[in-house]
Amino acid sequence: MKCEFKLNYPGDKVIDINVSFWSGSVNITSDELNIIRQSNLNEYKIQISKDSFGFLKIKRQLFGLDPIPKIVLDSVEFDLAQSLSWYEYLLCCIPLILISGGAIGGFIGLMGMRSNLWLIRINKYPTYIRIFMIFLIGCLSLLVYKELSRGLATAVRLIRS
């Protein structure tokens, strides 16, 4: 997901922030500013002018499970995307029920949850369509887990005999 973040410094300079869906890695670029990554991977030093620097920090949400981070610029927090309320987080975490199925269920549930968190922030579709798609992703996660576990059980049974 690509986000733009506008600095409130003179000139209203723009920072482009790209967040990878699969790995959650953050790539920060700007055409107008010199951005230096610090030794801590979540911190950046931004050279605004010859003499002034700003410090930008990436802050993960929901224990790092939420794919969209918050930005902390000189100790002030900014949201890259709309903040979610508790019931939206709860709705998005429905696929995590599959964690009870072990590692395979946990992985599929985690991918379903990340997809839901990504989807709920897209304002391109009306709310009722996004909620329907979230339930659809939950059902699809359950179906994928069921078929994958059935296929693995069959393969193990065939290997043993």
N, C-alpha and C. Protein backbone atom coordinates (compact mmCIF):
# COMPACT_ATOMS: atom_id res chain seq x y z
N MET A 1 0.85 -1.17 0.00
CA MET A 1 0.00 0.00 0.00
C MET A 1 0.90 1.23 0.00
N LYS A 2 0.60 2.14 -0.87
CA LYS A 2 1.40 3.35 -0.98
C LYS A 2 0.65 4.51 -0.33
N CYS A 3 1.36 5.22 0.55
CA CYS A 3 0.78 6.36 1.25
C CYS A 3 1.69 7.56 1.05
N GLU A 4 1.10 8.73 1.05
CA GLU A 4 1.87 9.96 1.00
C GLU A 4 1.71 10.67 2.33
N PHE A 5 2.82 11.21 2.81
CA PHE A 5 2.82 11.92 4.08
C PHE A 5 3.42 13.29 3.84
N LYS A 6 2.67 14.33 4.15
CA LYS A 6 3.13 15.70 3.91
C LYS A 6 3.69 16.29 5.19
N LEU A 7 4.93 16.77 5.13
CA LEU A 7 5.55 17.41 6.28
C LEU A 7 5.01 18.82 6.43
N ASN A 8 4.92 19.26 7.67
CA ASN A 8 4.41 20.61 7.94
C ASN A 8 5.53 21.65 7.97
N TYR A 9 6.68 21.26 7.48
CA TYR A 9 7.80 22.19 7.44
C TYR A 9 7.62 23.12 6.24
N PRO A 10 8.38 24.20 6.18
CA PRO A 10 8.25 25.11 5.04
C PRO A 10 8.43 24.38 3.71
N GLY A 11 7.52 24.65 2.82
CA GLY A 11 7.57 24.05 1.50
C GLY A 11 6.66 22.85 1.35
N ASP A 12 6.05 22.38 2.43
CA ASP A 12 5.15 21.23 2.40
C ASP A 12 5.73 20.07 1.58
N LYS A 13 6.86 19.58 2.01
CA LYS A 13 7.53 18.49 1.29
C LYS A 13 6.82 17.18 1.56
N VAL A 14 6.83 16.29 0.55
CA VAL A 14 6.07 15.04 0.61
C VAL A 14 7.02 13.85 0.73
N ILE A 15 6.64 12.90 1.60
CA ILE A 15 7.37 11.65 1.76
C ILE A 15 6.47 10.53 1.26
N ASP A 16 7.00 9.65 0.44
CA ASP A 16 6.26 8.48 -0.05
C ASP A 16 6.60 7.29 0.84
N ILE A 17 5.56 6.63 1.34
CA ILE A 17 5.74 5.49 2.23
C ILE A 17 5.07 4.28 1.58
N ASN A 18 5.86 3.26 1.28
CA ASN A 18 5.36 2.01 0.71
C ASN A 18 5.44 0.92 1.76
N VAL A 19 4.31 0.25 2.01
CA VAL A 19 4.24 -0.83 2.98
C VAL A 19 3.96 -2.12 2.23
N SER A 20 4.82 -3.11 2.39
CA SER A 20 4.64 -4.39 1.74
C SER A 20 3.57 -5.20 2.47
N PHE A 21 2.64 -5.80 1.71
CA PHE A 21 1.57 -6.58 2.33
C PHE A 21 2.12 -7.84 2.98
N TRP A 22 2.99 -8.56 2.28
CA TRP A 22 3.44 -9.86 2.76
C TRP A 22 4.44 -9.75 3.89
N SER A 23 5.44 -8.92 3.75
CA SER A 23 6.47 -8.86 4.78
C SER A 23 6.24 -7.74 5.79
N GLY A 24 5.45 -6.75 5.44
CA GLY A 24 5.23 -5.63 6.33
C GLY A 24 6.37 -4.63 6.34
N SER A 25 7.35 -4.83 5.45
CA SER A 25 8.48 -3.91 5.43
C SER A 25 8.06 -2.56 4.89
N VAL A 26 8.72 -1.54 5.40
CA VAL A 26 8.38 -0.16 5.04
C VAL A 26 9.53 0.44 4.26
N ASN A 27 9.22 1.08 3.14
CA ASN A 27 10.21 1.76 2.32
C ASN A 27 9.81 3.22 2.23
N ILE A 28 10.69 4.10 2.68
CA ILE A 28 10.42 5.53 2.70
C ILE A 28 11.32 6.22 1.69
N THR A 29 10.69 6.99 0.79
CA THR A 29 11.44 7.73 -0.23
C THR A 29 10.88 9.14 -0.35
N SER A 30 11.70 10.02 -0.90
CA SER A 30 11.27 11.38 -1.18
C SER A 30 12.15 11.95 -2.27
N ASP A 31 11.53 12.71 -3.15
CA ASP A 31 12.29 13.35 -4.22
C ASP A 31 12.96 14.63 -3.72
N GLU A 32 12.39 15.24 -2.68
CA GLU A 32 12.85 16.55 -2.23
C GLU A 32 13.74 16.51 -1.00
N LEU A 33 13.73 15.39 -0.25
CA LEU A 33 14.44 15.32 1.02
C LEU A 33 15.49 14.22 1.01
N ASN A 34 16.49 14.39 1.85
CA ASN A 34 17.50 13.36 2.05
C ASN A 34 17.07 12.53 3.26
N ILE A 35 16.78 11.25 3.05
CA ILE A 35 16.30 10.38 4.11
C ILE A 35 17.39 9.34 4.40
N ILE A 36 17.81 9.29 5.68
CA ILE A 36 18.89 8.39 6.09
C ILE A 36 18.33 7.38 7.08
N ARG A 37 18.44 6.10 6.74
CA ARG A 37 17.97 5.04 7.65
C ARG A 37 18.97 4.88 8.79
N GLN A 38 18.47 4.82 10.01
CA GLN A 38 19.30 4.68 11.18
C GLN A 38 19.61 3.20 11.43
N SER A 39 20.45 2.93 12.44
CA SER A 39 20.82 1.54 12.73
C SER A 39 19.61 0.73 13.19
N ASN A 40 18.68 1.37 13.90
CA ASN A 40 17.41 0.73 14.22
C ASN A 40 16.56 0.79 12.96
N LEU A 41 16.08 -0.33 12.48
CA LEU A 41 15.42 -0.38 11.18
C LEU A 41 14.14 0.44 11.11
N ASN A 42 13.56 0.80 12.23
CA ASN A 42 12.30 1.54 12.24
C ASN A 42 12.51 3.05 12.41
N GLU A 43 13.72 3.52 12.34
CA GLU A 43 13.99 4.95 12.55
C GLU A 43 14.71 5.54 11.34
N TYR A 44 14.33 6.76 11.02
CA TYR A 44 14.92 7.48 9.88
C TYR A 44 15.26 8.89 10.30
N LYS A 45 16.33 9.42 9.73
CA LYS A 45 16.72 10.80 9.95
C LYS A 45 16.46 11.54 8.64
N ILE A 46 15.68 12.60 8.73
CA ILE A 46 15.30 13.35 7.54
C ILE A 46 15.99 14.70 7.56
N GLN A 47 16.75 14.98 6.51
CA GLN A 47 17.42 16.27 6.41
C GLN A 47 16.48 17.21 5.68
N ILE A 48 15.92 18.17 6.45
CA ILE A 48 14.95 19.09 5.90
C ILE A 48 15.65 20.27 5.21
N SER A 49 16.67 20.77 5.85
CA SER A 49 17.51 21.81 5.24
C SER A 49 18.96 21.50 5.63
N LYS A 50 19.87 22.41 5.34
CA LYS A 50 21.27 22.15 5.67
C LYS A 50 21.48 21.97 7.17
N ASP A 51 20.73 22.72 7.97
CA ASP A 51 20.97 22.71 9.41
C ASP A 51 19.93 21.93 10.20
N SER A 52 18.76 21.71 9.66
CA SER A 52 17.70 21.08 10.46
C SER A 52 17.43 19.64 10.04
N PHE A 53 17.23 18.82 11.05
CA PHE A 53 16.93 17.41 10.85
C PHE A 53 15.65 17.07 11.59
N GLY A 54 14.92 16.11 11.08
CA GLY A 54 13.76 15.57 11.75
C GLY A 54 13.94 14.07 11.92
N PHE A 55 13.36 13.51 12.95
CA PHE A 55 13.46 12.08 13.19
C PHE A 55 12.10 11.44 13.00
N LEU A 56 12.06 10.44 12.15
CA LEU A 56 10.83 9.75 11.82
C LEU A 56 10.95 8.31 12.31
N LYS A 57 9.92 7.83 12.99
CA LYS A 57 9.93 6.47 13.52
C LYS A 57 8.67 5.75 13.06
N ILE A 58 8.81 4.49 12.71
CA ILE A 58 7.69 3.64 12.31
C ILE A 58 7.20 2.91 13.56
N LYS A 59 5.91 3.05 13.85
CA LYS A 59 5.32 2.41 15.03
C LYS A 59 4.28 1.40 14.57
N ARG A 60 4.49 0.14 14.89
CA ARG A 60 3.57 -0.93 14.49
C ARG A 60 2.32 -0.90 15.36
N GLN A 61 1.19 -1.35 14.79
CA GLN A 61 -0.07 -1.39 15.51
C GLN A 61 -0.50 -2.85 15.69
N LEU A 62 -1.30 -3.11 16.68
CA LEU A 62 -1.87 -4.43 16.96
C LEU A 62 -0.76 -5.48 17.05
N PHE A 63 0.26 -5.20 17.86
CA PHE A 63 1.38 -6.11 18.10
C PHE A 63 2.12 -6.47 16.82
N GLY A 64 2.12 -5.58 15.85
CA GLY A 64 2.81 -5.81 14.60
C GLY A 64 2.00 -6.57 13.57
N LEU A 65 0.77 -6.95 13.90
CA LEU A 65 -0.05 -7.71 12.97
C LEU A 65 -0.77 -6.82 11.96
N ASP A 66 -1.01 -5.58 12.33
CA ASP A 66 -1.67 -4.65 11.43
C ASP A 66 -0.67 -4.21 10.36
N PRO A 67 -1.00 -4.36 9.08
CA PRO A 67 -0.03 -4.03 8.04
C PRO A 67 0.25 -2.53 7.88
N ILE A 68 -0.62 -1.67 8.39
CA ILE A 68 -0.43 -0.23 8.23
C ILE A 68 0.12 0.36 9.53
N PRO A 69 1.36 0.85 9.52
CA PRO A 69 1.93 1.40 10.75
C PRO A 69 1.52 2.86 10.97
N LYS A 70 1.88 3.38 12.14
CA LYS A 70 1.75 4.80 12.42
C LYS A 70 3.13 5.42 12.25
N ILE A 71 3.14 6.72 12.00
CA ILE A 71 4.39 7.46 11.85
C ILE A 71 4.55 8.39 13.05
N VAL A 72 5.72 8.38 13.64
CA VAL A 72 6.03 9.29 14.74
C VAL A 72 7.11 10.23 14.22
N LEU A 73 6.76 11.49 14.06
CA LEU A 73 7.69 12.50 13.56
C LEU A 73 7.96 13.49 14.67
N ASP A 74 9.18 13.48 15.16
CA ASP A 74 9.59 14.36 16.26
C ASP A 74 8.61 14.28 17.42
N SER A 75 8.32 13.07 17.89
CA SER A 75 7.46 12.73 19.03
C SER A 75 5.98 13.08 18.84
N VAL A 76 5.53 13.29 17.61
CA VAL A 76 4.11 13.51 17.31
C VAL A 76 3.64 12.37 16.40
N GLU A 77 2.56 11.66 16.82
CA GLU A 77 2.05 10.53 16.07
C GLU A 77 1.09 10.96 14.96
N PHE A 78 1.22 10.29 13.81
CA PHE A 78 0.33 10.53 12.68
C PHE A 78 -0.14 9.18 12.15
N ASP A 79 -1.39 9.12 11.73
CA ASP A 79 -1.94 7.91 11.11
C ASP A 79 -1.74 7.98 9.60
N LEU A 80 -1.26 6.88 9.02
CA LEU A 80 -1.15 6.80 7.57
C LEU A 80 -2.49 6.47 6.94
N ALA A 81 -3.29 5.73 7.66
CA ALA A 81 -4.64 5.37 7.21
C ALA A 81 -5.59 5.61 8.36
N GLN A 82 -6.87 5.52 8.08
CA GLN A 82 -7.86 5.78 9.13
C GLN A 82 -7.67 4.83 10.30
N SER A 83 -7.85 5.33 11.50
CA SER A 83 -7.77 4.48 12.69
C SER A 83 -9.02 3.62 12.76
N LEU A 84 -8.85 2.42 13.24
CA LEU A 84 -9.97 1.51 13.37
C LEU A 84 -10.44 1.47 14.81
N SER A 85 -11.73 1.27 15.00
CA SER A 85 -12.26 1.12 16.35
C SER A 85 -12.19 -0.36 16.74
N TRP A 86 -12.51 -0.65 17.99
CA TRP A 86 -12.33 -2.00 18.52
C TRP A 86 -13.18 -3.03 17.79
N TYR A 87 -14.39 -2.65 17.41
CA TYR A 87 -15.25 -3.62 16.73
C TYR A 87 -14.77 -3.91 15.31
N GLU A 88 -14.10 -2.95 14.67
CA GLU A 88 -13.53 -3.20 13.35
C GLU A 88 -12.35 -4.17 13.46
N TYR A 89 -11.52 -3.98 14.49
CA TYR A 89 -10.43 -4.93 14.72
C TYR A 89 -10.99 -6.32 15.00
N LEU A 90 -12.04 -6.39 15.82
CA LEU A 90 -12.65 -7.67 16.15
C LEU A 90 -13.20 -8.35 14.89
N LEU A 91 -13.86 -7.61 14.04
CA LEU A 91 -14.41 -8.14 12.80
C LEU A 91 -13.29 -8.65 11.89
N CYS A 92 -12.19 -7.92 11.83
CA CYS A 92 -11.08 -8.32 10.96
C CYS A 92 -10.35 -9.56 11.48
N CYS A 93 -10.41 -9.79 12.79
CA CYS A 93 -9.66 -10.89 13.39
C CYS A 93 -10.42 -12.21 13.42
N ILE A 94 -11.57 -12.27 12.79
CA ILE A 94 -12.36 -13.52 12.75
C ILE A 94 -11.55 -14.70 12.19
N PRO A 95 -10.75 -14.55 11.14
CA PRO A 95 -9.99 -15.71 10.64
C PRO A 95 -8.96 -16.26 11.63
N LEU A 96 -8.62 -15.50 12.68
CA LEU A 96 -7.65 -15.99 13.65
C LEU A 96 -8.19 -17.16 14.47
N ILE A 97 -9.46 -17.47 14.34
CA ILE A 97 -10.02 -18.64 15.00
C ILE A 97 -9.29 -19.90 14.52
N LEU A 98 -8.75 -19.85 13.32
CA LEU A 98 -8.06 -21.00 12.75
C LEU A 98 -6.74 -21.33 13.46
N ILE A 99 -6.29 -20.46 14.37
CA ILE A 99 -5.06 -20.74 15.12
C ILE A 99 -5.20 -22.04 15.89
N SER A 100 -6.43 -22.37 16.28
CA SER A 100 -6.64 -23.62 17.02
C SER A 100 -6.32 -24.84 16.15
N GLY A 101 -6.17 -24.67 14.85
CA GLY A 101 -5.85 -25.75 13.93
C GLY A 101 -4.36 -25.99 13.77
N GLY A 102 -3.54 -25.32 14.55
CA GLY A 102 -2.10 -25.54 14.47
C GLY A 102 -1.42 -24.51 13.58
N ALA A 103 -0.24 -24.89 13.10
CA ALA A 103 0.58 -23.96 12.33
C ALA A 103 -0.06 -23.60 10.99
N ILE A 104 -0.64 -24.58 10.33
CA ILE A 104 -1.27 -24.31 9.03
C ILE A 104 -2.47 -23.39 9.22
N GLY A 105 -3.30 -23.70 10.20
CA GLY A 105 -4.46 -22.86 10.48
C GLY A 105 -4.06 -21.47 10.93
N GLY A 106 -2.99 -21.39 11.72
CA GLY A 106 -2.51 -20.08 12.17
C GLY A 106 -2.01 -19.22 11.03
N PHE A 107 -1.29 -19.85 10.10
CA PHE A 107 -0.78 -19.09 8.95
C PHE A 107 -1.92 -18.60 8.07
N ILE A 108 -2.86 -19.49 7.78
CA ILE A 108 -3.99 -19.10 6.93
C ILE A 108 -4.84 -18.04 7.64
N GLY A 109 -5.05 -18.19 8.95
CA GLY A 109 -5.81 -17.20 9.72
C GLY A 109 -5.11 -15.85 9.75
N LEU A 110 -3.79 -15.88 9.88
CA LEU A 110 -3.02 -14.62 9.90
C LEU A 110 -3.10 -13.91 8.56
N MET A 111 -3.00 -14.65 7.46
CA MET A 111 -3.12 -14.03 6.14
C MET A 111 -4.53 -13.49 5.90
N GLY A 112 -5.54 -14.22 6.38
CA GLY A 112 -6.91 -13.73 6.26
C GLY A 112 -7.13 -12.46 7.07
N MET A 113 -6.55 -12.41 8.27
CA MET A 113 -6.69 -11.21 9.11
C MET A 113 -5.99 -10.01 8.47
N ARG A 114 -4.78 -10.22 7.96
CA ARG A 114 -4.06 -9.12 7.32
C ARG A 114 -4.80 -8.62 6.08
N SER A 115 -5.40 -9.55 5.34
CA SER A 115 -6.20 -9.15 4.17
C SER A 115 -7.40 -8.31 4.60
N ASN A 116 -8.04 -8.72 5.69
CA ASN A 116 -9.19 -7.96 6.19
C ASN A 116 -8.79 -6.57 6.67
N LEU A 117 -7.66 -6.48 7.38
CA LEU A 117 -7.20 -5.17 7.85
C LEU A 117 -6.86 -4.25 6.68
N TRP A 118 -6.31 -4.83 5.64
CA TRP A 118 -5.97 -4.06 4.44
C TRP A 118 -7.25 -3.60 3.75
N LEU A 119 -8.21 -4.52 3.66
CA LEU A 119 -9.45 -4.26 2.94
C LEU A 119 -10.34 -3.23 3.63
N ILE A 120 -10.38 -3.26 4.95
CA ILE A 120 -11.30 -2.38 5.66
C ILE A 120 -10.89 -0.91 5.53
N ARG A 121 -9.64 -0.67 5.19
CA ARG A 121 -9.17 0.71 5.06
C ARG A 121 -9.35 1.28 3.66
N ILE A 122 -9.77 0.47 2.72
CA ILE A 122 -9.97 0.96 1.36
C ILE A 122 -11.32 1.67 1.30
N ASN A 123 -11.29 2.94 1.10
CA ASN A 123 -12.52 3.75 1.08
C ASN A 123 -13.15 3.79 -0.31
N LYS A 124 -12.66 2.98 -1.21
CA LYS A 124 -13.16 2.97 -2.57
C LYS A 124 -14.55 2.33 -2.66
N TYR A 125 -14.82 1.39 -1.74
CA TYR A 125 -16.08 0.67 -1.73
C TYR A 125 -16.93 1.11 -0.54
N PRO A 126 -18.26 1.00 -0.66
CA PRO A 126 -19.12 1.32 0.49
C PRO A 126 -18.88 0.35 1.65
N THR A 127 -19.28 0.77 2.85
CA THR A 127 -19.03 -0.01 4.05
C THR A 127 -19.66 -1.39 3.99
N TYR A 128 -20.90 -1.49 3.53
CA TYR A 128 -21.56 -2.80 3.53
C TYR A 128 -20.87 -3.78 2.60
N ILE A 129 -20.27 -3.31 1.51
CA ILE A 129 -19.54 -4.20 0.60
C ILE A 129 -18.24 -4.66 1.26
N ARG A 130 -17.55 -3.75 1.97
CA ARG A 130 -16.32 -4.13 2.66
C ARG A 130 -16.60 -5.16 3.75
N ILE A 131 -17.71 -4.99 4.50
CA ILE A 131 -18.05 -5.95 5.55
C ILE A 131 -18.40 -7.30 4.94
N PHE A 132 -19.14 -7.31 3.84
CA PHE A 132 -19.45 -8.56 3.14
C PHE A 132 -18.17 -9.25 2.67
N MET A 133 -17.22 -8.48 2.14
CA MET A 133 -15.95 -9.06 1.67
C MET A 133 -15.13 -9.60 2.83
N ILE A 134 -15.21 -8.95 4.01
CA ILE A 134 -14.49 -9.44 5.19
C ILE A 134 -15.05 -10.80 5.62
N PHE A 135 -16.37 -10.94 5.63
CA PHE A 135 -16.97 -12.23 5.96
C PHE A 135 -16.63 -13.27 4.89
N LEU A 136 -16.57 -12.85 3.64
CA LEU A 136 -16.20 -13.75 2.56
C LEU A 136 -14.76 -14.24 2.72
N ILE A 137 -13.86 -13.36 3.10
CA ILE A 137 -12.47 -13.75 3.33
C ILE A 137 -12.38 -14.73 4.51
N GLY A 138 -13.18 -14.49 5.55
CA GLY A 138 -13.21 -15.42 6.69
C GLY A 138 -13.68 -16.80 6.27
N CYS A 139 -14.73 -16.87 5.47
CA CYS A 139 -15.24 -18.16 4.97
C CYS A 139 -14.24 -18.82 4.04
N LEU A 140 -13.60 -18.03 3.20
CA LEU A 140 -12.61 -18.56 2.28
C LEU A 140 -11.40 -19.11 3.04
N SER A 141 -10.99 -18.42 4.11
CA SER A 141 -9.88 -18.91 4.94
C SER A 141 -10.22 -20.26 5.54
N LEU A 142 -11.43 -20.40 6.04
CA LEU A 142 -11.87 -21.66 6.62
C LEU A 142 -11.90 -22.77 5.57
N LEU A 143 -12.38 -22.45 4.38
CA LEU A 143 -12.44 -23.44 3.31
C LEU A 143 -11.04 -23.86 2.87
N VAL A 144 -10.12 -22.91 2.73
CA VAL A 144 -8.74 -23.23 2.35
C VAL A 144 -8.10 -24.11 3.40
N TYR A 145 -8.31 -23.79 4.68
CA TYR A 145 -7.73 -24.61 5.75
C TYR A 145 -8.30 -26.02 5.72
N LYS A 146 -9.59 -26.13 5.55
CA LYS A 146 -10.24 -27.44 5.53
C LYS A 146 -9.70 -28.30 4.39
N GLU A 147 -9.62 -27.74 3.20
CA GLU A 147 -9.16 -28.51 2.04
C GLU A 147 -7.67 -28.82 2.12
N LEU A 148 -6.88 -27.90 2.62
CA LEU A 148 -5.44 -28.14 2.75
C LEU A 148 -5.16 -29.21 3.79
N SER A 149 -5.86 -29.15 4.91
CA SER A 149 -5.64 -30.18 5.94
C SER A 149 -6.14 -31.54 5.46
N ARG A 150 -7.24 -31.57 4.72
CA ARG A 150 -7.73 -32.83 4.17
C ARG A 150 -6.73 -33.40 3.16
N GLY A 151 -6.17 -32.55 2.32
CA GLY A 151 -5.16 -33.00 1.35
C GLY A 151 -3.91 -33.52 2.02
N LEU A 152 -3.45 -32.84 3.06
CA LEU A 152 -2.26 -33.30 3.78
C LEU A 152 -2.52 -34.62 4.50
N ALA A 153 -3.70 -34.77 5.09
CA ALA A 153 -4.05 -36.01 5.77
C ALA A 153 -4.09 -37.18 4.77
N THR A 154 -4.62 -36.92 3.58
CA THR A 154 -4.67 -37.95 2.55
C THR A 154 -3.26 -38.32 2.10
N ALA A 155 -2.40 -37.32 1.93
CA ALA A 155 -1.02 -37.58 1.50
C ALA A 155 -0.28 -38.40 2.57
N VAL A 156 -0.47 -38.08 3.84
CA VAL A 156 0.18 -38.84 4.91
C VAL A 156 -0.32 -40.28 4.94
N ARG A 157 -1.62 -40.45 4.76
CA ARG A 157 -2.22 -41.78 4.73
C ARG A 157 -1.66 -42.60 3.56
N LEU A 158 -1.47 -41.99 2.41
CA LEU A 158 -0.94 -42.69 1.25
C LEU A 158 0.53 -43.05 1.45
N ILE A 159 1.27 -42.19 2.09
CA ILE A 159 2.69 -42.46 2.33
C ILE A 159 2.85 -43.62 3.30
N ARG A 160 2.03 -43.69 4.32
CA ARG A 160 2.11 -44.75 5.33
C ARG A 160 1.72 -46.11 4.78
N SER A 161 0.84 -46.14 3.81
CA SER A 161 0.40 -47.46 3.31
C SER A 161 1.20 -47.96 2.15
